[in-house]
Amino acid sequence: MKSILLKEFGGVENLIIGETEKPKLKNDELLIQVKCYALNRADIIQRNGKYPPPPGDSEILGLEISGIVVEETQTNEKKFKVGDRVFGLVGGGAYGEYCSIAANQALHIPEHLSFEQAASIPEAWLTAYQALHLLSNFKKDESVLIHASASGVGTALIQLCKLAGITTIIGTVGSEDKGQFIKQLGATHAINYKTQDPFLPVVLDITSNKGVNVVFDYVGQQYWNQNLKALQLDGTMIIQGFLSGAIVTPGDIQPILSKRLTIKGSTLRNRDNQYKGNLVSEFAKLLPQFESGQLKPIIDSVFDYTEIQKAHKYLESNQNKGKVVIKSFNY
């Protein structure tokens, strides 16, 4: 089959079109003819040799797909048949012409959603759903601070927080345009980190010096100390990335004790099959909200597979508002 392959670790010039073997299915897997896939920061990190796939998963890049079922090996409840339009989460392999997916991590594409829209949902929305509903200990009418809030995960989190009844949703962004964009999605406040640095005084002003209940962070080192000070008593911080680095020097842990803070690290890719299947089942309850338009997959741009190097460069430039989607070989 055709695939986007990685010649060697490093820059985008190492992403090439080549041939590789079609995936061989295991029990309870589907073979998908890939129509679209979406890019993730994890793809860039893996391309640079710093994020190997979990054992047994494909070495080919890509974590979320949409497409058509062409083969199935379901041994229990047969939810899918050949010809079904599906989307879902994979541990790797999305950049291929065909990709295998565990049946419990696939979902039927709602009728009104395109392949592009469906491909933009799985990794971003499941990551956001996990962070909010399984990890954050949030309560209705509380306050949250979302970093990188115009990203795929950020735009999903804003919508999920609004749906959950969180009343103060603060997002950090890199431009005034992105600030207006996240407010349209449901954020109550936008902080431009390029003109409002440090962000801590702004957060404290918005919250009348109380701080927020939850921080969702993808930045890491650069924001660590401010994040701790921005949390209120018994607050929670969910760490899902470290774009600015992982080593904090100097780091002040005093607020963790004095405020009784909870700090959780989370990834999704290396979770076991049962966990991811349960997460997908829980998230599936929200599909009616996608049908009604209450929740919206946010796509910034769509590239052809022949433009994969250009698409990676674009994602690395941090210009995107929402997801970057690729039309695959069989589109």
Protein backbone atom coordinates (compact mmCIF):
# COMPACT_ATOMS: atom_id res chain seq x y z
CA MET A 1 0.00 0.00 0.00
CA LYS A 2 0.99 3.64 -0.36
CA SER A 3 2.02 5.52 2.78
CA ILE A 4 3.76 8.61 4.05
CA LEU A 5 6.99 7.16 5.41
CA LEU A 6 9.74 8.62 7.56
CA LYS A 7 13.12 8.34 5.84
CA GLU A 8 14.92 9.18 9.08
CA PHE A 9 14.25 11.24 12.19
CA GLY A 10 14.44 15.00 11.75
CA GLY A 11 12.93 17.71 9.57
CA VAL A 12 9.92 17.65 7.28
CA GLU A 13 12.12 16.73 4.31
CA ASN A 14 12.23 13.21 5.78
CA LEU A 15 8.50 12.70 5.14
CA ILE A 16 8.27 10.84 1.82
CA ILE A 17 5.66 8.95 -0.19
CA GLY A 18 6.50 5.26 -0.40
CA GLU A 19 5.21 1.70 -0.34
CA THR A 20 4.79 -0.59 2.66
CA GLU A 21 2.80 -3.68 3.65
CA LYS A 22 -0.93 -3.43 4.25
CA PRO A 23 -1.77 -4.02 7.96
CA LYS A 24 -2.67 -7.57 8.99
CA LEU A 25 -5.71 -7.61 11.27
CA LYS A 26 -5.81 -9.08 14.76
CA ASN A 27 -8.99 -10.14 16.53
CA ASP A 28 -11.60 -7.41 16.96
CA GLU A 29 -9.95 -5.04 14.51
CA LEU A 30 -11.17 -3.24 11.40
CA LEU A 31 -9.20 -2.43 8.27
CA ILE A 32 -9.98 1.08 7.15
CA GLN A 33 -9.41 2.59 3.74
CA VAL A 34 -8.23 5.96 5.01
CA LYS A 35 -9.99 8.99 3.56
CA CYS A 36 -8.63 11.65 5.92
CA TYR A 37 -6.40 11.99 8.95
CA ALA A 38 -5.51 14.90 11.21
CA LEU A 39 -2.11 16.09 12.37
CA ASN A 40 -1.07 16.23 16.03
CA ARG A 41 1.87 17.63 17.95
CA ALA A 42 2.70 14.01 18.73
CA ASP A 43 3.39 13.47 15.01
CA ILE A 44 6.03 16.19 15.06
CA ILE A 45 7.63 14.82 18.20
CA GLN A 46 7.66 11.30 16.73
CA ARG A 47 9.10 12.65 13.47
CA ASN A 48 11.96 14.06 15.52
CA GLY A 49 12.63 10.70 17.17
CA LYS A 50 11.31 11.57 20.63
CA TYR A 51 7.95 9.76 20.77
CA PRO A 52 8.10 6.10 19.72
CA PRO A 53 4.79 4.25 19.22
CA PRO A 54 3.67 1.83 21.94
CA PRO A 55 4.80 -1.80 21.42
CA GLY A 56 2.75 -3.49 18.72
CA ASP A 57 1.50 -0.28 17.10
CA SER A 58 2.47 0.87 13.62
CA GLU A 59 5.68 2.85 13.12
CA ILE A 60 3.82 4.95 10.55
CA LEU A 61 2.78 8.37 11.87
CA GLY A 62 -0.78 9.37 12.63
CA LEU A 63 -3.22 8.93 15.51
CA GLU A 64 -6.69 9.66 14.15
CA ILE A 65 -8.50 8.66 10.99
CA SER A 66 -11.73 8.66 9.05
CA GLY A 67 -12.55 6.28 6.26
CA ILE A 68 -14.45 3.21 5.11
CA VAL A 69 -14.38 -0.31 6.57
CA VAL A 70 -12.97 -2.76 3.99
CA GLU A 71 -12.37 -5.75 6.27
CA GLU A 72 -13.33 -6.77 9.82
CA THR A 73 -12.46 -9.49 12.35
CA GLN A 74 -15.00 -8.74 15.07
CA THR A 75 -15.45 -11.78 17.29
CA ASN A 76 -17.97 -10.42 19.78
CA GLU A 77 -20.65 -7.82 19.11
CA LYS A 78 -20.39 -6.89 15.43
CA LYS A 79 -20.94 -3.14 15.42
CA PHE A 80 -19.38 -2.49 12.03
CA LYS A 81 -19.70 -3.97 8.55
CA VAL A 82 -17.76 -3.55 5.32
CA GLY A 83 -18.75 -0.25 3.72
CA ASP A 84 -19.45 1.63 6.95
CA ARG A 85 -18.12 5.18 7.29
CA VAL A 86 -16.11 5.30 10.51
CA PHE A 87 -13.68 7.46 12.44
CA GLY A 88 -11.52 6.75 15.44
CA LEU A 89 -8.35 6.60 17.45
CA VAL A 90 -5.25 4.62 16.46
CA GLY A 91 -1.84 4.13 18.07
CA GLY A 92 -0.15 4.80 14.73
CA GLY A 93 -0.60 4.19 11.01
CA ALA A 94 -3.02 6.96 10.01
CA TYR A 95 -0.67 8.26 7.29
CA GLY A 96 -1.14 5.01 5.30
CA GLU A 97 -3.51 4.14 2.47
CA TYR A 98 -5.04 1.57 4.84
CA CYS A 99 -4.97 1.50 8.64
CA SER A 100 -6.06 -1.04 11.24
CA ILE A 101 -8.11 0.09 14.22
CA ALA A 102 -9.43 -1.71 17.30
CA ALA A 103 -13.18 -2.04 16.83
CA ASN A 104 -13.83 -0.63 20.31
CA GLN A 105 -11.99 2.58 19.36
CA ALA A 106 -14.02 3.24 16.22
CA LEU A 107 -17.28 5.15 15.85
CA HIS A 108 -19.79 5.54 13.04
CA ILE A 109 -19.50 8.94 11.38
CA PRO A 110 -22.64 11.01 12.01
CA GLU A 111 -24.50 11.39 8.74
CA HIS A 112 -23.98 15.12 8.32
CA LEU A 113 -20.22 15.09 9.05
CA SER A 114 -17.66 14.94 6.25
CA PHE A 115 -14.56 12.73 6.31
CA GLU A 116 -12.53 15.87 7.01
CA GLN A 117 -14.65 16.82 10.02
CA ALA A 118 -14.70 13.27 11.39
CA ALA A 119 -10.91 12.93 11.16
CA SER A 120 -10.47 16.11 13.19
CA ILE A 121 -12.34 14.72 16.21
CA PRO A 122 -10.80 11.57 17.79
CA GLU A 123 -7.43 12.51 19.31
CA ALA A 124 -8.29 16.11 20.17
CA TRP A 125 -11.76 15.52 21.57
CA LEU A 126 -10.93 12.30 23.43
CA THR A 127 -7.88 13.99 24.98
CA ALA A 128 -10.03 16.95 26.01
CA TYR A 129 -12.87 14.73 27.30
CA GLN A 130 -10.42 12.66 29.35
CA ALA A 131 -8.80 15.75 30.84
CA LEU A 132 -12.07 17.41 31.83
CA HIS A 133 -14.33 14.53 32.82
CA LEU A 134 -11.91 11.90 34.13
CA LEU A 135 -9.06 13.93 35.60
CA SER A 136 -9.95 17.50 36.51
CA ASN A 137 -12.43 17.05 39.41
CA PHE A 138 -14.34 20.06 38.06
CA LYS A 139 -17.70 21.22 39.36
CA LYS A 140 -20.39 23.20 37.60
CA ASP A 141 -20.00 27.00 37.81
CA GLU A 142 -16.23 26.77 38.45
CA SER A 143 -13.37 28.41 36.55
CA VAL A 144 -10.69 27.01 34.24
CA LEU A 145 -7.54 28.24 32.51
CA ILE A 146 -6.80 26.57 29.16
CA HIS A 147 -3.37 27.09 27.61
CA ALA A 148 -2.92 26.73 23.84
CA SER A 149 -6.66 27.28 23.70
CA ALA A 150 -6.87 27.79 19.93
CA SER A 151 -5.33 24.35 19.27
CA GLY A 152 -7.33 21.25 18.41
CA VAL A 153 -7.47 20.09 22.04
CA GLY A 154 -8.00 23.65 23.27
CA THR A 155 -10.98 24.33 21.02
CA ALA A 156 -12.52 21.01 22.10
CA LEU A 157 -11.94 21.80 25.78
CA ILE A 158 -13.60 25.21 25.49
CA GLN A 159 -16.74 23.65 24.04
CA LEU A 160 -16.80 20.80 26.56
CA CYS A 161 -16.34 23.21 29.47
CA LYS A 162 -19.19 25.37 28.22
CA LEU A 163 -21.42 22.31 27.79
CA ALA A 164 -20.54 21.17 31.33
CA GLY A 165 -21.65 24.47 32.86
CA ILE A 166 -18.26 25.95 33.73
CA THR A 167 -18.87 29.67 33.95
CA THR A 168 -15.38 31.19 33.69
CA ILE A 169 -13.33 29.86 30.77
CA ILE A 170 -10.01 31.65 30.30
CA GLY A 171 -7.82 30.80 27.31
CA THR A 172 -4.28 31.86 26.43
CA VAL A 173 -3.63 32.63 22.78
CA GLY A 174 -0.87 34.10 20.61
CA SER A 175 -2.85 36.76 18.76
CA GLU A 176 -5.88 39.04 19.05
CA ASP A 177 -7.47 37.17 16.15
CA LYS A 178 -7.22 33.89 18.06
CA GLY A 179 -8.62 35.65 21.12
CA GLN A 180 -11.77 36.62 19.24
CA PHE A 181 -11.96 33.13 17.79
CA ILE A 182 -11.98 31.32 21.15
CA LYS A 183 -14.59 33.72 22.51
CA GLN A 184 -16.87 32.74 19.64
CA LEU A 185 -16.47 29.12 20.77
CA GLY A 186 -17.46 29.90 24.35
CA ALA A 187 -14.39 31.23 26.18
CA THR A 188 -15.31 34.08 28.51
CA HIS A 189 -11.82 35.64 28.49
CA ALA A 190 -8.79 35.53 26.20
CA ILE A 191 -5.24 36.38 27.28
CA ASN A 192 -2.74 37.22 24.54
CA TYR A 193 0.52 35.87 25.94
CA LYS A 194 2.51 38.03 23.53
CA THR A 195 1.09 41.30 24.89
CA GLN A 196 -0.10 40.21 28.36
CA ASP A 197 2.97 38.49 29.76
CA PRO A 198 3.00 37.38 32.51
CA PHE A 199 -0.54 36.04 32.35
CA LEU A 200 -0.85 35.54 36.14
CA PRO A 201 -1.97 39.10 37.03
CA VAL A 202 -4.65 38.93 34.35
CA VAL A 203 -6.00 35.61 35.68
CA LEU A 204 -6.06 36.96 39.24
CA ASP A 205 -7.83 40.11 38.09
CA ILE A 206 -10.48 38.09 36.23
CA THR A 207 -11.08 35.86 39.26
CA SER A 208 -11.00 38.63 41.90
CA ASN A 209 -7.66 37.28 43.21
CA LYS A 210 -9.13 33.83 43.89
CA GLY A 211 -7.43 32.00 41.02
CA VAL A 212 -8.97 29.26 38.91
CA ASN A 213 -10.14 25.80 39.92
CA VAL A 214 -8.45 23.96 37.04
CA VAL A 215 -5.48 24.60 34.74
CA PHE A 216 -5.04 22.60 31.53
CA ASP A 217 -1.41 22.97 30.50
CA TYR A 218 0.54 21.94 27.39
CA VAL A 219 3.39 24.46 27.75
CA GLY A 220 5.34 23.06 30.70
CA GLN A 221 8.50 24.73 32.01
CA GLN A 222 7.70 28.31 31.00
CA TYR A 223 4.32 28.34 32.75
CA TRP A 224 4.94 26.04 35.74
CA ASN A 225 5.38 28.64 38.49
CA GLN A 226 2.63 30.93 37.19
CA ASN A 227 0.24 27.99 36.88
CA LEU A 228 0.70 27.05 40.54
CA LYS A 229 0.06 30.64 41.62
CA ALA A 230 -2.95 30.90 39.31
CA LEU A 231 -4.70 27.96 41.02
CA GLN A 232 -6.93 28.49 44.02
CA LEU A 233 -7.19 26.33 47.13
CA ASP A 234 -7.70 22.63 46.27
CA GLY A 235 -7.14 23.40 42.60
CA THR A 236 -6.08 20.88 39.96
CA MET A 237 -3.58 21.09 37.12
CA ILE A 238 -3.63 18.64 34.23
CA ILE A 239 -0.30 18.45 32.36
CA GLN A 240 -0.59 17.10 28.83
CA GLY A 241 2.52 18.49 27.18
CA PHE A 242 5.67 20.55 27.63
CA LEU A 243 6.14 22.62 24.49
CA SER A 244 8.52 25.01 26.27
CA GLY A 245 10.54 22.24 27.96
CA ALA A 246 10.22 19.77 30.81
CA ILE A 247 12.87 20.99 33.28
CA VAL A 248 11.76 23.72 35.69
CA THR A 249 14.58 25.82 37.19
CA PRO A 250 13.99 27.51 39.51
CA GLY A 251 10.77 25.82 40.56
CA ASP A 252 8.64 26.73 43.57
CA ILE A 253 6.68 23.82 45.03
CA GLN A 254 5.42 25.75 48.06
CA PRO A 255 1.99 26.47 46.50
CA ILE A 256 1.41 22.73 46.07
CA LEU A 257 1.47 22.34 49.85
CA SER A 258 -0.12 25.58 50.96
CA LYS A 259 -3.01 25.29 48.49
CA ARG A 260 -3.37 21.48 48.65
CA LEU A 261 -3.03 21.31 44.88
CA THR A 262 -3.51 18.21 42.76
CA ILE A 263 -1.22 17.81 39.75
CA LYS A 264 -1.86 15.08 37.20
CA GLY A 265 0.06 14.09 34.10
CA SER A 266 -1.84 12.43 31.30
CA THR A 267 -1.29 10.85 27.91
CA LEU A 268 -3.71 8.87 25.79
CA ARG A 269 -1.61 7.01 23.25
CA ASN A 270 -0.02 4.56 25.70
CA ARG A 271 -3.25 3.69 27.52
CA ASP A 272 -4.35 0.08 27.18
CA ASN A 273 -7.00 -1.06 24.73
CA GLN A 274 -9.72 -1.50 27.35
CA TYR A 275 -9.21 1.99 28.77
CA LYS A 276 -9.34 3.61 25.34
CA GLY A 277 -12.37 1.55 24.41
CA ASN A 278 -14.22 2.64 27.55
CA LEU A 279 -13.25 6.26 26.87
CA VAL A 280 -14.59 6.04 23.32
CA SER A 281 -17.85 4.54 24.64
CA GLU A 282 -18.28 7.39 27.11
CA PHE A 283 -17.46 10.00 24.50
CA ALA A 284 -19.96 8.44 22.07
CA LYS A 285 -22.74 9.77 24.30
CA LEU A 286 -21.86 13.24 22.97
CA LEU A 287 -22.37 12.37 19.30
CA PRO A 288 -25.95 13.75 19.35
CA GLN A 289 -24.44 17.13 20.25
CA PHE A 290 -22.31 16.93 17.11
CA GLU A 291 -25.43 16.00 15.15
CA SER A 292 -27.29 19.03 16.49
CA GLY A 293 -24.35 21.40 15.97
CA GLN A 294 -24.02 22.17 19.67
CA LEU A 295 -20.49 20.77 19.48
CA LYS A 296 -18.41 21.53 16.40
CA PRO A 297 -15.16 20.00 15.14
CA ILE A 298 -12.91 22.94 14.33
CA ILE A 299 -10.81 22.64 11.18
CA ASP A 300 -8.22 25.29 10.40
CA SER A 301 -7.03 23.94 7.04
CA VAL A 302 -7.07 20.90 4.77
CA PHE A 303 -4.04 19.71 2.80
CA ASP A 304 -3.59 16.97 0.22
CA TYR A 305 -1.28 14.09 1.15
CA THR A 306 1.19 15.39 -1.43
CA GLU A 307 1.53 18.50 0.75
CA ILE A 308 2.44 16.62 3.95
CA GLN A 309 5.73 18.48 4.41
CA LYS A 310 3.96 21.82 4.00
CA ALA A 311 1.27 20.74 6.47
CA HIS A 312 3.84 19.77 9.12
CA LYS A 313 5.60 23.13 8.69
CA TYR A 314 2.28 24.91 9.08
CA LEU A 315 1.42 23.07 12.31
CA GLU A 316 4.89 23.82 13.69
CA SER A 317 4.39 27.53 12.96
CA ASN A 318 1.53 27.70 15.52
CA GLN A 319 -0.69 29.61 13.11
CA ASN A 320 -3.57 27.15 13.21
CA LYS A 321 -6.92 27.70 14.88
CA GLY A 322 -8.23 24.18 15.32
CA LYS A 323 -7.13 21.07 13.44
CA VAL A 324 -4.98 20.55 10.37
CA VAL A 325 -6.45 17.75 8.24
CA ILE A 326 -4.91 15.71 5.40
CA LYS A 327 -6.83 14.15 2.51
CA SER A 328 -5.32 10.69 2.05
CA PHE A 329 -4.51 8.56 -1.01
CA ASN A 330 -8.07 7.29 -1.54
CA TYR A 331 -9.95 10.50 -0.96
